[in-house]
N, C-alpha and C. Protein backbone atom coordinates (compact mmCIF):
# COMPACT_ATOMS: atom_id res chain seq x y z
N UNK A 1 33.55 28.97 49.18
CA UNK A 1 32.27 28.52 49.70
C UNK A 1 32.04 29.19 51.05
N UNK A 2 30.89 29.78 51.25
CA UNK A 2 30.53 30.42 52.51
C UNK A 2 29.35 29.70 53.12
N UNK A 3 29.20 29.83 54.44
CA UNK A 3 28.07 29.23 55.11
C UNK A 3 27.31 30.29 55.88
N UNK A 4 25.99 30.35 55.65
CA UNK A 4 25.14 31.31 56.34
C UNK A 4 23.88 30.61 56.79
N UNK A 5 23.64 30.57 58.09
CA UNK A 5 22.41 29.99 58.64
C UNK A 5 22.14 28.57 58.12
N UNK A 6 23.15 27.75 58.06
CA UNK A 6 22.95 26.38 57.64
C UNK A 6 22.82 26.19 56.14
N UNK A 7 22.96 27.26 55.36
CA UNK A 7 22.87 27.15 53.91
C UNK A 7 24.26 27.35 53.33
N UNK A 8 24.68 26.48 52.48
CA UNK A 8 25.97 26.62 51.83
C UNK A 8 25.77 27.40 50.55
N UNK A 9 26.49 28.50 50.41
CA UNK A 9 26.39 29.32 49.22
C UNK A 9 27.62 29.04 48.36
N UNK A 10 27.37 28.63 47.15
CA UNK A 10 28.46 28.29 46.25
C UNK A 10 28.45 29.27 45.09
N UNK A 11 29.58 29.89 44.85
CA UNK A 11 29.66 30.80 43.72
C UNK A 11 31.07 30.78 43.17
N UNK A 12 31.22 31.24 41.95
CA UNK A 12 32.52 31.32 41.32
C UNK A 12 32.56 32.49 40.39
N UNK A 13 33.77 32.98 40.12
CA UNK A 13 33.91 34.13 39.25
C UNK A 13 33.94 33.75 37.78
N UNK A 14 34.28 32.54 37.47
CA UNK A 14 34.31 32.12 36.08
C UNK A 14 33.09 31.27 35.80
N UNK A 15 32.34 31.63 34.78
CA UNK A 15 31.13 30.88 34.45
C UNK A 15 31.20 30.37 33.01
N UNK A 16 32.32 29.81 32.67
CA UNK A 16 32.51 29.25 31.34
C UNK A 16 32.07 27.79 31.33
N UNK A 17 30.93 27.51 31.90
CA UNK A 17 30.41 26.15 32.00
C UNK A 17 29.50 25.90 30.80
N UNK A 18 29.76 24.83 30.13
CA UNK A 18 28.92 24.48 28.99
C UNK A 18 27.67 23.80 29.54
N UNK A 19 26.55 24.44 29.34
CA UNK A 19 25.29 23.93 29.87
C UNK A 19 24.23 24.11 28.80
N UNK A 20 23.27 23.25 28.83
CA UNK A 20 22.16 23.34 27.90
C UNK A 20 21.45 24.67 28.05
N UNK A 21 21.00 25.24 26.93
CA UNK A 21 20.27 26.50 26.96
C UNK A 21 18.94 26.34 27.69
N UNK A 22 18.50 25.11 27.91
CA UNK A 22 17.22 24.86 28.55
C UNK A 22 17.31 24.84 30.07
N UNK A 23 18.48 25.16 30.65
CA UNK A 23 18.64 25.13 32.10
C UNK A 23 17.66 26.10 32.75
N UNK A 24 16.85 25.59 33.66
CA UNK A 24 15.88 26.41 34.39
C UNK A 24 16.14 26.23 35.88
N UNK A 25 16.67 27.28 36.55
CA UNK A 25 17.00 27.13 37.97
C UNK A 25 15.80 26.75 38.83
N UNK A 26 14.61 27.17 38.46
CA UNK A 26 13.42 26.85 39.26
C UNK A 26 13.15 25.34 39.29
N UNK A 27 13.59 24.62 38.27
CA UNK A 27 13.33 23.18 38.22
C UNK A 27 14.20 22.39 39.17
N UNK A 28 15.35 22.93 39.61
CA UNK A 28 16.24 22.18 40.49
C UNK A 28 16.01 22.49 41.96
N UNK A 29 15.28 23.56 42.27
CA UNK A 29 15.00 23.89 43.67
C UNK A 29 14.16 22.78 44.29
N UNK A 30 14.61 22.29 45.44
CA UNK A 30 13.91 21.21 46.14
C UNK A 30 14.42 19.83 45.80
N UNK A 31 15.27 19.72 44.78
CA UNK A 31 15.81 18.42 44.40
C UNK A 31 17.10 18.15 45.17
N UNK A 32 17.50 16.90 45.33
CA UNK A 32 18.76 16.59 46.00
C UNK A 32 19.93 17.15 45.19
N UNK A 33 20.93 17.69 45.90
CA UNK A 33 22.10 18.23 45.21
C UNK A 33 22.99 17.10 44.73
N UNK A 34 23.49 17.24 43.53
CA UNK A 34 24.55 16.38 43.00
C UNK A 34 25.40 17.24 42.09
N UNK A 35 26.62 16.84 41.88
CA UNK A 35 27.57 17.62 41.09
C UNK A 35 26.96 18.02 39.74
N UNK A 36 27.06 19.31 39.43
CA UNK A 36 26.60 19.79 38.14
C UNK A 36 25.20 20.37 38.14
N UNK A 37 24.46 20.18 39.23
CA UNK A 37 23.08 20.66 39.26
C UNK A 37 23.01 22.18 39.44
N UNK A 38 24.09 22.80 39.93
CA UNK A 38 24.14 24.25 40.11
C UNK A 38 25.31 24.83 39.30
N UNK A 39 25.20 24.83 37.98
CA UNK A 39 26.34 25.26 37.17
C UNK A 39 26.69 26.74 37.33
N UNK A 40 25.75 27.57 37.75
CA UNK A 40 25.99 29.01 37.88
C UNK A 40 25.94 29.47 39.32
N UNK A 41 25.86 28.56 40.26
CA UNK A 41 25.82 28.90 41.67
C UNK A 41 24.45 28.69 42.25
N UNK A 42 24.39 28.67 43.57
CA UNK A 42 23.15 28.47 44.27
C UNK A 42 23.41 28.07 45.69
N UNK A 43 22.42 27.54 46.35
CA UNK A 43 22.58 27.15 47.75
C UNK A 43 21.96 25.80 48.03
N UNK A 44 22.60 25.12 48.98
CA UNK A 44 22.15 23.79 49.38
C UNK A 44 21.91 23.82 50.88
N UNK A 45 20.75 23.36 51.31
CA UNK A 45 20.41 23.33 52.72
C UNK A 45 21.08 22.17 53.43
N UNK A 46 20.96 22.14 54.76
CA UNK A 46 21.59 21.07 55.55
C UNK A 46 21.06 19.68 55.24
N UNK A 47 19.89 19.61 54.62
CA UNK A 47 19.33 18.30 54.26
C UNK A 47 19.82 17.81 52.90
N UNK A 48 20.67 18.61 52.23
CA UNK A 48 21.23 18.20 50.94
C UNK A 48 20.37 18.55 49.75
N UNK A 49 19.34 19.34 49.95
CA UNK A 49 18.47 19.74 48.85
C UNK A 49 18.77 21.17 48.43
N UNK A 50 18.60 21.45 47.14
CA UNK A 50 18.84 22.77 46.59
C UNK A 50 17.77 23.73 47.11
N UNK A 51 18.20 24.88 47.69
CA UNK A 51 17.24 25.86 48.18
C UNK A 51 17.11 27.06 47.25
N UNK A 52 18.16 27.36 46.48
CA UNK A 52 18.05 28.37 45.43
C UNK A 52 19.12 28.11 44.39
N UNK A 53 18.85 28.54 43.16
CA UNK A 53 19.78 28.34 42.06
C UNK A 53 19.82 29.62 41.23
N UNK A 54 21.01 29.97 40.77
CA UNK A 54 21.17 31.15 39.93
C UNK A 54 21.02 30.79 38.46
N UNK A 55 20.41 31.69 37.73
CA UNK A 55 20.36 31.54 36.28
C UNK A 55 21.68 32.04 35.70
N UNK A 56 21.92 31.74 34.46
CA UNK A 56 23.14 32.21 33.80
C UNK A 56 23.19 33.74 33.80
N UNK A 57 22.05 34.38 33.55
CA UNK A 57 22.00 35.84 33.49
C UNK A 57 22.36 36.46 34.84
N UNK A 58 21.79 35.92 35.92
CA UNK A 58 22.09 36.45 37.25
C UNK A 58 23.55 36.21 37.62
N UNK A 59 24.07 35.05 37.26
CA UNK A 59 25.47 34.76 37.56
C UNK A 59 26.39 35.70 36.79
N UNK A 60 26.08 35.98 35.53
CA UNK A 60 26.91 36.90 34.75
C UNK A 60 26.85 38.31 35.32
N UNK A 61 25.67 38.75 35.77
CA UNK A 61 25.56 40.08 36.40
C UNK A 61 26.37 40.13 37.69
N UNK A 62 26.34 39.05 38.46
CA UNK A 62 27.12 38.99 39.71
C UNK A 62 28.61 39.08 39.42
N UNK A 63 29.08 38.38 38.40
CA UNK A 63 30.49 38.42 38.04
C UNK A 63 30.88 39.82 37.59
N UNK A 64 30.04 40.46 36.78
CA UNK A 64 30.33 41.83 36.34
C UNK A 64 30.41 42.78 37.53
N UNK A 65 29.52 42.61 38.50
CA UNK A 65 29.53 43.45 39.69
C UNK A 65 30.84 43.24 40.48
N UNK A 66 31.23 41.99 40.67
CA UNK A 66 32.47 41.69 41.40
C UNK A 66 33.69 42.25 40.68
N UNK A 67 33.71 42.11 39.38
CA UNK A 67 34.85 42.64 38.60
C UNK A 67 34.92 44.15 38.69
N UNK A 68 33.77 44.83 38.68
CA UNK A 68 33.74 46.28 38.80
C UNK A 68 34.28 46.72 40.16
N UNK A 69 34.01 45.95 41.19
CA UNK A 69 34.49 46.28 42.52
C UNK A 69 36.00 46.10 42.67
N UNK A 70 36.57 45.19 41.89
CA UNK A 70 38.00 44.89 42.04
C UNK A 70 38.88 45.69 41.08
N UNK A 71 38.30 46.50 40.23
CA UNK A 71 39.12 47.28 39.28
C UNK A 71 39.52 48.60 39.85
């Protein structure tokens, strides 16, 4: 977990999270954070609300990029 300008950025290299295919990151932005609301990563502001959320596709691209850098 990293902190930048009061925003907590949460990410992970493994995205084997079982989530509904209907997950829409835009729908969780602005809502209060609770466990499971950011299955693929995102950020939470100091007020406890989601400021951005990653889609499964973006998270998978991020993981591929990280893996390419470490090989």
